[in-house]
Amino acid sequence: KVVIGCVDTFSKVAGKGIQRLKENGIEVEVGVLGEECRELNKRFFTFYEKNRPYIILKWAQTKDGFVAPMADKHKKDRWISGPKTNQFTHKLRAEEMAILVGKSTVLADNPSLTTRNYPGKNPIKILFDRHLEIWNSQDSFAIFEPDSKTIVLNSLRNFKENNIEGIKLDYSKDVLPQLMRNLVQRNIQSLIVEGGTQTLQSFIDKNLWDESVVITSSIEFGNGVPSPDFSSLNFHQMVLGYDELRMYKNLDS
């Protein structure tokens, strides 16, 4: 007897597999634990059914709704979340294939985007750098460290250099569908979008996400860079140290 949970996707991927099993006298039971099966294999199903990676939006914000202080404070007082949440973030990175940030985030924070505080493989790093400004000063930025591959999304040229690949996009058109096509071509089945606000908002506005992880700390900035404009009622909540985590599911994507 063969038990199949996710019958719809199984049928699409395997063709007439179920029919052939039955024709050969094998009893087939379908639809068992279907929801659990889909959750377990959500990246695979999203990739093949929607022709794009499974997308997780993630950001940390202060209690009063800012993701960063004003520009004159960029060199200090930038950390929002605590060490337990930081480890959770690195665990999240270890579970997904790629992580995306915009140019402003790299200029402000110089992130490494690694899993250094949690065992696991570093994700592929993806950077929006339209005019190759970051790329032209690559020795100054940790995102180009050879601990994993880096993809630079730009408007100028395609290139490959050591662990770095440049992908030319047409910025006169919507770049997100172009990005999705390029990630599918490279078999990247899951993506974390980690900032900044403008990059996150572009995914939110197009409803192009499957999960969102929103970390709210107990500190306040008073003013600064606002967090993305986001609202959803479908979430579960947990507390790590002094931080509140809300994990949202997109039921309409």
C-alpha atoms as a PDB file:
ATOM      1  CA  LYS A   1       0.000   0.000   0.000  1.00  0.00           C
ATOM      2  CA  VAL A   2       1.225   3.499  -0.852  1.00  0.00           C
ATOM      3  CA  VAL A   3       0.102   6.535   1.172  1.00  0.00           C
ATOM      4  CA  ILE A   4       0.388   9.956  -0.481  1.00  0.00           C
ATOM      5  CA  GLY A   5      -0.294  13.182   1.422  1.00  0.00           C
ATOM      6  CA  CYS A   6       0.033  15.971  -1.141  1.00  0.00           C
ATOM      7  CA  VAL A   7      -1.848  14.441  -4.013  1.00  0.00           C
ATOM      8  CA  ASP A   8      -2.232  17.590  -6.163  1.00  0.00           C
ATOM      9  CA  THR A   9       1.445  18.464  -6.281  1.00  0.00           C
ATOM     10  CA  PHE A  10       2.459  14.820  -6.523  1.00  0.00           C
ATOM     11  CA  SER A  11       0.285  14.489  -9.595  1.00  0.00           C
ATOM     12  CA  LYS A  12       1.777  17.593 -11.232  1.00  0.00           C
ATOM     13  CA  VAL A  13       5.363  16.553 -10.606  1.00  0.00           C
ATOM     14  CA  ALA A  14       5.062  12.812 -11.163  1.00  0.00           C
ATOM     15  CA  GLY A  15       2.571  12.935 -14.027  1.00  0.00           C
ATOM     16  CA  LYS A  16       0.496   9.758 -14.116  1.00  0.00           C
ATOM     17  CA  GLY A  17       2.363   8.197 -11.217  1.00  0.00           C
ATOM     18  CA  ILE A  18      -0.727   7.452  -9.128  1.00  0.00           C
ATOM     19  CA  GLN A  19      -2.551   5.928 -12.087  1.00  0.00           C
ATOM     20  CA  ARG A  20       0.405   3.667 -12.870  1.00  0.00           C
ATOM     21  CA  LEU A  21       0.585   2.465  -9.288  1.00  0.00           C
ATOM     22  CA  LYS A  22      -3.103   1.524  -9.382  1.00  0.00           C
ATOM     23  CA  GLU A  23      -2.745  -0.177 -12.762  1.00  0.00           C
ATOM     24  CA  ASN A  24      -0.072  -2.379 -11.232  1.00  0.00           C
ATOM     25  CA  GLY A  25      -2.386  -3.521  -8.472  1.00  0.00           C
ATOM     26  CA  ILE A  26      -0.997  -1.281  -5.741  1.00  0.00           C
ATOM     27  CA  GLU A  27      -3.497   0.211  -3.280  1.00  0.00           C
ATOM     28  CA  VAL A  28      -3.056   4.004  -3.130  1.00  0.00           C
ATOM     29  CA  GLU A  29      -4.461   6.216  -0.393  1.00  0.00           C
ATOM     30  CA  VAL A  30      -4.234   9.938  -1.075  1.00  0.00           C
ATOM     31  CA  GLY A  31      -4.774  13.133   0.931  1.00  0.00           C
ATOM     32  CA  VAL A  32      -3.499  11.775   4.267  1.00  0.00           C
ATOM     33  CA  LEU A  33      -2.088  14.605   6.441  1.00  0.00           C
ATOM     34  CA  GLY A  34      -2.268  16.859   3.401  1.00  0.00           C
ATOM     35  CA  GLU A  35      -1.866  20.168   5.260  1.00  0.00           C
ATOM     36  CA  GLU A  36       1.047  18.852   7.302  1.00  0.00           C
ATOM     37  CA  CYS A  37       2.673  17.548   4.143  1.00  0.00           C
ATOM     38  CA  ARG A  38       2.360  20.907   2.407  1.00  0.00           C
ATOM     39  CA  GLU A  39       3.793  22.767   5.398  1.00  0.00           C
ATOM     40  CA  LEU A  40       6.752  20.410   5.578  1.00  0.00           C
ATOM     41  CA  ASN A  41       7.476  20.857   1.874  1.00  0.00           C
ATOM     42  CA  LYS A  42       6.302  24.466   1.462  1.00  0.00           C
ATOM     43  CA  ARG A  43       9.437  25.645  -0.327  1.00  0.00           C
ATOM     44  CA  PHE A  44       9.243  22.886  -2.945  1.00  0.00           C
ATOM     45  CA  PHE A  45       5.525  23.397  -3.565  1.00  0.00           C
ATOM     46  CA  THR A  46       5.786  27.172  -3.863  1.00  0.00           C
ATOM     47  CA  PHE A  47       8.716  26.854  -6.264  1.00  0.00           C
ATOM     48  CA  TYR A  48       6.889  24.508  -8.651  1.00  0.00           C
ATOM     49  CA  GLU A  49       3.336  25.782  -8.268  1.00  0.00           C
ATOM     50  CA  LYS A  50       4.027  29.535  -8.277  1.00  0.00           C
ATOM     51  CA  ASN A  51       7.279  29.510 -10.244  1.00  0.00           C
ATOM     52  CA  ARG A  52       9.101  31.503  -7.617  1.00  0.00           C
ATOM     53  CA  PRO A  53      10.968  30.941  -4.339  1.00  0.00           C
ATOM     54  CA  TYR A  54       9.240  30.726  -0.968  1.00  0.00           C
ATOM     55  CA  ILE A  55       9.612  34.296   0.374  1.00  0.00           C
ATOM     56  CA  ILE A  56      10.093  35.288   4.010  1.00  0.00           C
ATOM     57  CA  LEU A  57      10.108  38.980   4.936  1.00  0.00           C
ATOM     58  CA  LYS A  58      12.010  39.792   8.114  1.00  0.00           C
ATOM     59  CA  TRP A  59      12.732  43.002   9.991  1.00  0.00           C
ATOM     60  CA  ALA A  60      13.325  44.322  13.491  1.00  0.00           C
ATOM     61  CA  GLN A  61      11.616  47.472  14.729  1.00  0.00           C
ATOM     62  CA  THR A  62      11.570  49.540  17.885  1.00  0.00           C
ATOM     63  CA  LYS A  63       8.570  49.772  20.161  1.00  0.00           C
ATOM     64  CA  ASP A  64       7.685  53.096  18.529  1.00  0.00           C
ATOM     65  CA  GLY A  65       7.941  51.705  14.983  1.00  0.00           C
ATOM     66  CA  PHE A  66      11.390  52.503  13.566  1.00  0.00           C
ATOM     67  CA  VAL A  67      13.849  50.147  11.889  1.00  0.00           C
ATOM     68  CA  ALA A  68      16.846  52.487  12.201  1.00  0.00           C
ATOM     69  CA  PRO A  69      17.795  55.793  13.830  1.00  0.00           C
ATOM     70  CA  MET A  70      18.262  59.010  11.905  1.00  0.00           C
ATOM     71  CA  ALA A  71      21.242  59.177   9.550  1.00  0.00           C
ATOM     72  CA  ASP A  72      23.408  61.125  12.013  1.00  0.00           C
ATOM     73  CA  LYS A  73      23.199  58.199  14.446  1.00  0.00           C
ATOM     74  CA  HIS A  74      24.036  55.450  11.962  1.00  0.00           C
ATOM     75  CA  LYS A  75      27.390  54.746  13.582  1.00  0.00           C
ATOM     76  CA  LYS A  76      25.934  54.027  17.018  1.00  0.00           C
ATOM     77  CA  ASP A  77      22.836  52.816  18.825  1.00  0.00           C
ATOM     78  CA  ARG A  78      21.707  50.827  15.773  1.00  0.00           C
ATOM     79  CA  TRP A  79      21.086  47.471  17.404  1.00  0.00           C
ATOM     80  CA  ILE A  80      17.392  46.950  18.015  1.00  0.00           C
ATOM     81  CA  SER A  81      16.963  43.299  18.994  1.00  0.00           C
ATOM     82  CA  GLY A  82      18.710  41.281  21.692  1.00  0.00           C
ATOM     83  CA  PRO A  83      21.162  38.345  21.545  1.00  0.00           C
ATOM     84  CA  LYS A  84      18.501  35.608  21.714  1.00  0.00           C
ATOM     85  CA  THR A  85      16.662  37.143  18.783  1.00  0.00           C
ATOM     86  CA  ASN A  86      19.941  37.534  16.927  1.00  0.00           C
ATOM     87  CA  GLN A  87      20.546  33.802  17.238  1.00  0.00           C
ATOM     88  CA  PHE A  88      16.994  33.138  16.041  1.00  0.00           C
ATOM     89  CA  THR A  89      17.696  35.289  12.966  1.00  0.00           C
ATOM     90  CA  HIS A  90      20.833  33.312  12.183  1.00  0.00           C
ATOM     91  CA  LYS A  91      18.879  30.063  12.545  1.00  0.00           C
ATOM     92  CA  LEU A  92      16.370  31.432  10.032  1.00  0.00           C
ATOM     93  CA  ARG A  93      19.194  32.216   7.618  1.00  0.00           C
ATOM     94  CA  ALA A  94      20.590  28.697   7.985  1.00  0.00           C
ATOM     95  CA  GLU A  95      17.237  27.216   6.935  1.00  0.00           C
ATOM     96  CA  GLU A  96      16.836  29.193   3.684  1.00  0.00           C
ATOM     97  CA  MET A  97      18.783  29.277   0.423  1.00  0.00           C
ATOM     98  CA  ALA A  98      19.228  33.027  -0.120  1.00  0.00           C
ATOM     99  CA  ILE A  99      18.942  36.388   1.606  1.00  0.00           C
ATOM    100  CA  LEU A 100      18.276  39.777  -0.036  1.00  0.00           C
ATOM    101  CA  VAL A 101      19.041  43.350   1.034  1.00  0.00           C
ATOM    102  CA  GLY A 102      19.041  46.750  -0.645  1.00  0.00           C
ATOM    103  CA  LYS A 103      21.920  49.155  -1.147  1.00  0.00           C
ATOM    104  CA  SER A 104      20.879  51.462   1.709  1.00  0.00           C
ATOM    105  CA  THR A 105      21.039  48.616   4.222  1.00  0.00           C
ATOM    106  CA  VAL A 106      24.577  47.747   3.151  1.00  0.00           C
ATOM    107  CA  LEU A 107      25.692  51.389   3.350  1.00  0.00           C
ATOM    108  CA  ALA A 108      24.161  51.868   6.801  1.00  0.00           C
ATOM    109  CA  ASP A 109      24.883  48.527   8.483  1.00  0.00           C
ATOM    110  CA  ASN A 110      27.557  46.740   6.423  1.00  0.00           C
ATOM    111  CA  PRO A 111      25.929  43.362   7.222  1.00  0.00           C
ATOM    112  CA  SER A 112      27.710  40.059   6.663  1.00  0.00           C
ATOM    113  CA  LEU A 113      24.410  38.119   6.294  1.00  0.00           C
ATOM    114  CA  THR A 114      25.996  34.921   7.649  1.00  0.00           C
ATOM    115  CA  THR A 115      24.958  32.223  10.140  1.00  0.00           C
ATOM    116  CA  ARG A 116      27.922  32.864  12.434  1.00  0.00           C
ATOM    117  CA  ASN A 117      25.813  32.566  15.618  1.00  0.00           C
ATOM    118  CA  TYR A 118      24.085  29.334  14.601  1.00  0.00           C
ATOM    119  CA  PRO A 119      25.357  26.101  13.015  1.00  0.00           C
ATOM    120  CA  GLY A 120      24.488  25.886   9.355  1.00  0.00           C
ATOM    121  CA  LYS A 121      25.379  26.888   5.821  1.00  0.00           C
ATOM    122  CA  ASN A 122      25.506  30.559   4.914  1.00  0.00           C
ATOM    123  CA  PRO A 123      22.763  31.597   2.466  1.00  0.00           C
ATOM    124  CA  ILE A 124      23.481  33.048  -0.951  1.00  0.00           C
ATOM    125  CA  LYS A 125      23.672  36.831  -0.516  1.00  0.00           C
ATOM    126  CA  ILE A 126      21.702  39.004  -2.945  1.00  0.00           C
ATOM    127  CA  LEU A 127      22.122  42.768  -3.240  1.00  0.00           C
ATOM    128  CA  PHE A 128      20.138  45.426  -5.094  1.00  0.00           C
ATOM    129  CA  ASP A 129      22.912  47.721  -6.384  1.00  0.00           C
ATOM    130  CA  ARG A 130      21.468  49.423  -9.452  1.00  0.00           C
ATOM    131  CA  HIS A 131      24.526  51.470 -10.454  1.00  0.00           C
ATOM    132  CA  LEU A 132      27.147  49.092  -8.975  1.00  0.00           C
ATOM    133  CA  GLU A 133      28.109  51.663  -6.350  1.00  0.00           C
ATOM    134  CA  ILE A 134      28.626  49.027  -3.650  1.00  0.00           C
ATOM    135  CA  TRP A 135      30.341  46.687  -6.086  1.00  0.00           C
ATOM    136  CA  ASN A 136      32.843  49.377  -7.096  1.00  0.00           C
ATOM    137  CA  SER A 137      33.909  49.664  -3.427  1.00  0.00           C
ATOM    138  CA  GLN A 138      33.613  45.976  -2.662  1.00  0.00           C
ATOM    139  CA  ASP A 139      36.673  45.800  -0.389  1.00  0.00           C
ATOM    140  CA  SER A 140      34.779  47.964   2.118  1.00  0.00           C
ATOM    141  CA  PHE A 141      31.734  45.703   2.502  1.00  0.00           C
ATOM    142  CA  ALA A 142      31.298  42.374   4.259  1.00  0.00           C
ATOM    143  CA  ILE A 143      28.596  41.209   1.849  1.00  0.00           C
ATOM    144  CA  PHE A 144      31.359  40.342  -0.647  1.00  0.00           C
ATOM    145  CA  GLU A 145      33.296  38.104   1.740  1.00  0.00           C
ATOM    146  CA  PRO A 146      33.918  34.666   0.139  1.00  0.00           C
ATOM    147  CA  ASP A 147      31.963  32.772   2.824  1.00  0.00           C
ATOM    148  CA  SER A 148      29.148  32.270   0.290  1.00  0.00           C
ATOM    149  CA  LYS A 149      28.111  33.371  -3.173  1.00  0.00           C
ATOM    150  CA  THR A 150      26.960  36.967  -3.704  1.00  0.00           C
ATOM    151  CA  ILE A 151      24.587  38.033  -6.472  1.00  0.00           C
ATOM    152  CA  VAL A 152      24.565  41.724  -7.439  1.00  0.00           C
ATOM    153  CA  LEU A 153      21.370  42.936  -9.119  1.00  0.00           C
ATOM    154  CA  ASN A 154      22.179  45.932 -11.304  1.00  0.00           C
ATOM    155  CA  SER A 155      21.191  47.877 -14.424  1.00  0.00           C
ATOM    156  CA  LEU A 156      24.582  47.823 -16.162  1.00  0.00           C
ATOM    157  CA  ARG A 157      25.974  44.385 -16.969  1.00  0.00           C
ATOM    158  CA  ASN A 158      26.175  40.669 -16.325  1.00  0.00           C
ATOM    159  CA  PHE A 159      29.463  39.412 -14.912  1.00  0.00           C
ATOM    160  CA  LYS A 160      31.109  36.682 -12.862  1.00  0.00           C
ATOM    161  CA  GLU A 161      34.137  37.190 -10.660  1.00  0.00           C
ATOM    162  CA  ASN A 162      35.187  34.538  -8.134  1.00  0.00           C
ATOM    163  CA  ASN A 163      32.194  34.047  -5.797  1.00  0.00           C
ATOM    164  CA  ILE A 164      30.338  37.111  -7.119  1.00  0.00           C
ATOM    165  CA  GLU A 165      27.807  37.154  -9.961  1.00  0.00           C
ATOM    166  CA  GLY A 166      26.264  40.260 -11.466  1.00  0.00           C
ATOM    167  CA  ILE A 167      22.792  40.039 -12.981  1.00  0.00           C
ATOM    168  CA  LYS A 168      21.584  42.844 -15.218  1.00  0.00           C
ATOM    169  CA  LEU A 169      17.929  43.815 -14.755  1.00  0.00           C
ATOM    170  CA  ASP A 170      15.812  46.246 -16.755  1.00  0.00           C
ATOM    171  CA  TYR A 171      15.068  48.939 -14.164  1.00  0.00           C
ATOM    172  CA  SER A 172      12.638  50.682 -16.508  1.00  0.00           C
ATOM    173  CA  LYS A 173      10.304  47.773 -15.737  1.00  0.00           C
ATOM    174  CA  ASP A 174       9.231  46.042 -12.544  1.00  0.00           C
ATOM    175  CA  VAL A 175      12.370  44.330 -11.257  1.00  0.00           C
ATOM    176  CA  LEU A 176      10.685  41.834  -8.922  1.00  0.00           C
ATOM    177  CA  PRO A 177       9.289  39.539 -11.660  1.00  0.00           C
ATOM    178  CA  GLN A 178      12.726  39.648 -13.305  1.00  0.00           C
ATOM    179  CA  LEU A 179      14.325  38.730  -9.996  1.00  0.00           C
ATOM    180  CA  MET A 180      11.925  35.815  -9.520  1.00  0.00           C
ATOM    181  CA  ARG A 181      12.756  34.451 -12.988  1.00  0.00           C
ATOM    182  CA  ASN A 182      16.491  34.657 -12.313  1.00  0.00           C
ATOM    183  CA  LEU A 183      16.180  32.905  -8.956  1.00  0.00           C
ATOM    184  CA  VAL A 184      14.094  30.110 -10.476  1.00  0.00           C
ATOM    185  CA  GLN A 185      16.720  29.664 -13.229  1.00  0.00           C
ATOM    186  CA  ARG A 186      19.310  29.191 -10.470  1.00  0.00           C
ATOM    187  CA  ASN A 187      17.081  26.747  -8.548  1.00  0.00           C
ATOM    188  CA  ILE A 188      16.903  29.048  -5.505  1.00  0.00           C
ATOM    189  CA  GLN A 189      13.781  27.779  -3.761  1.00  0.00           C
ATOM    190  CA  SER A 190      13.618  30.071  -0.726  1.00  0.00           C
ATOM    191  CA  LEU A 191      14.471  33.713  -0.053  1.00  0.00           C
ATOM    192  CA  ILE A 192      14.661  35.911   3.042  1.00  0.00           C
ATOM    193  CA  VAL A 193      14.139  39.631   2.390  1.00  0.00           C
ATOM    194  CA  GLU A 194      15.859  41.407   5.259  1.00  0.00           C
ATOM    195  CA  GLY A 195      15.818  45.080   4.348  1.00  0.00           C
ATOM    196  CA  GLY A 196      15.659  47.936   4.141  1.00  0.00           C
ATOM    197  CA  THR A 197      12.230  49.455   4.427  1.00  0.00           C
ATOM    198  CA  GLN A 198      11.942  50.368   0.722  1.00  0.00           C
ATOM    199  CA  THR A 199      12.938  46.878  -0.409  1.00  0.00           C
ATOM    200  CA  LEU A 200      10.577  45.209   2.058  1.00  0.00           C
ATOM    201  CA  GLN A 201       7.736  47.553   1.100  1.00  0.00           C
ATOM    202  CA  SER A 202       8.097  46.654  -2.580  1.00  0.00           C
ATOM    203  CA  PHE A 203       7.406  42.995  -1.743  1.00  0.00           C
ATOM    204  CA  ILE A 204       4.545  43.900   0.611  1.00  0.00           C
ATOM    205  CA  ASP A 205       2.862  46.182  -1.933  1.00  0.00           C
ATOM    206  CA  LYS A 206       2.831  43.377  -4.514  1.00  0.00           C
ATOM    207  CA  ASN A 207       1.720  40.784  -1.947  1.00  0.00           C
ATOM    208  CA  LEU A 208       4.857  38.860  -2.883  1.00  0.00           C
ATOM    209  CA  TRP A 209       5.550  36.999   0.350  1.00  0.00           C
ATOM    210  CA  ASP A 210       4.632  33.803   2.163  1.00  0.00           C
ATOM    211  CA  GLU A 211       5.793  34.500   5.727  1.00  0.00           C
ATOM    212  CA  SER A 212       6.798  37.618   7.618  1.00  0.00           C
ATOM    213  CA  VAL A 213       8.869  37.688  10.785  1.00  0.00           C
ATOM    214  CA  VAL A 214       8.493  41.001  12.632  1.00  0.00           C
ATOM    215  CA  ILE A 215      10.664  41.558  15.699  1.00  0.00           C
ATOM    216  CA  THR A 216       9.635  44.358  18.057  1.00  0.00           C
ATOM    217  CA  SER A 217      12.046  45.379  20.796  1.00  0.00           C
ATOM    218  CA  SER A 218      11.366  47.236  24.037  1.00  0.00           C
ATOM    219  CA  ILE A 219      13.571  50.206  23.100  1.00  0.00           C
ATOM    220  CA  GLU A 220      12.412  53.442  21.444  1.00  0.00           C
ATOM    221  CA  PHE A 221      14.203  55.806  19.037  1.00  0.00           C
ATOM    222  CA  GLY A 222      11.735  58.704  19.132  1.00  0.00           C
ATOM    223  CA  ASN A 223      12.335  59.234  15.409  1.00  0.00           C
ATOM    224  CA  GLY A 224      14.173  57.535  12.603  1.00  0.00           C
ATOM    225  CA  VAL A 225      13.497  55.342   9.571  1.00  0.00           C
ATOM    226  CA  PRO A 226       9.892  54.056   9.769  1.00  0.00           C
ATOM    227  CA  SER A 227       9.184  50.346   9.615  1.00  0.00           C
ATOM    228  CA  PRO A 228       7.312  48.970   6.571  1.00  0.00           C
ATOM    229  CA  ASP A 229       3.595  49.661   6.244  1.00  0.00           C
ATOM    230  CA  PHE A 230       2.303  46.192   6.997  1.00  0.00           C
ATOM    231  CA  SER A 231      -0.815  44.692   8.514  1.00  0.00           C
ATOM    232  CA  SER A 232      -2.035  41.130   8.836  1.00  0.00           C
ATOM    233  CA  LEU A 233      -4.138  39.313  11.410  1.00  0.00           C
ATOM    234  CA  ASN A 234      -2.842  35.805  10.748  1.00  0.00           C
ATOM    235  CA  PHE A 235       0.120  35.438  13.113  1.00  0.00           C
ATOM    236  CA  HIS A 236       1.419  33.640  16.134  1.00  0.00           C
ATOM    237  CA  GLN A 237       3.540  35.306  18.749  1.00  0.00           C
ATOM    238  CA  MET A 238       6.497  34.428  20.957  1.00  0.00           C
ATOM    239  CA  VAL A 239       8.889  36.245  23.258  1.00  0.00           C
ATOM    240  CA  LEU A 240      12.687  36.005  23.136  1.00  0.00           C
ATOM    241  CA  GLY A 241      14.402  37.927  25.911  1.00  0.00           C
ATOM    242  CA  TYR A 242      13.015  41.451  25.771  1.00  0.00           C
ATOM    243  CA  ASP A 243      11.836  41.090  22.164  1.00  0.00           C
ATOM    244  CA  GLU A 244       8.413  40.158  20.800  1.00  0.00           C
ATOM    245  CA  LEU A 245       8.304  38.083  17.619  1.00  0.00           C
ATOM    246  CA  ARG A 246       5.247  37.914  15.411  1.00  0.00           C
ATOM    247  CA  MET A 247       5.327  35.342  12.633  1.00  0.00           C
ATOM    248  CA  TYR A 248       2.741  35.938   9.924  1.00  0.00           C
ATOM    249  CA  LYS A 249       1.420  33.615   7.225  1.00  0.00           C
ATOM    250  CA  ASN A 250       0.135  35.008   3.935  1.00  0.00           C
ATOM    251  CA  LEU A 251      -3.072  33.166   3.078  1.00  0.00           C
ATOM    252  CA  ASP A 252      -3.689  35.275  -0.058  1.00  0.00           C
ATOM    253  CA  SER A 253      -0.402  35.036  -1.932  1.00  0.00           C
END
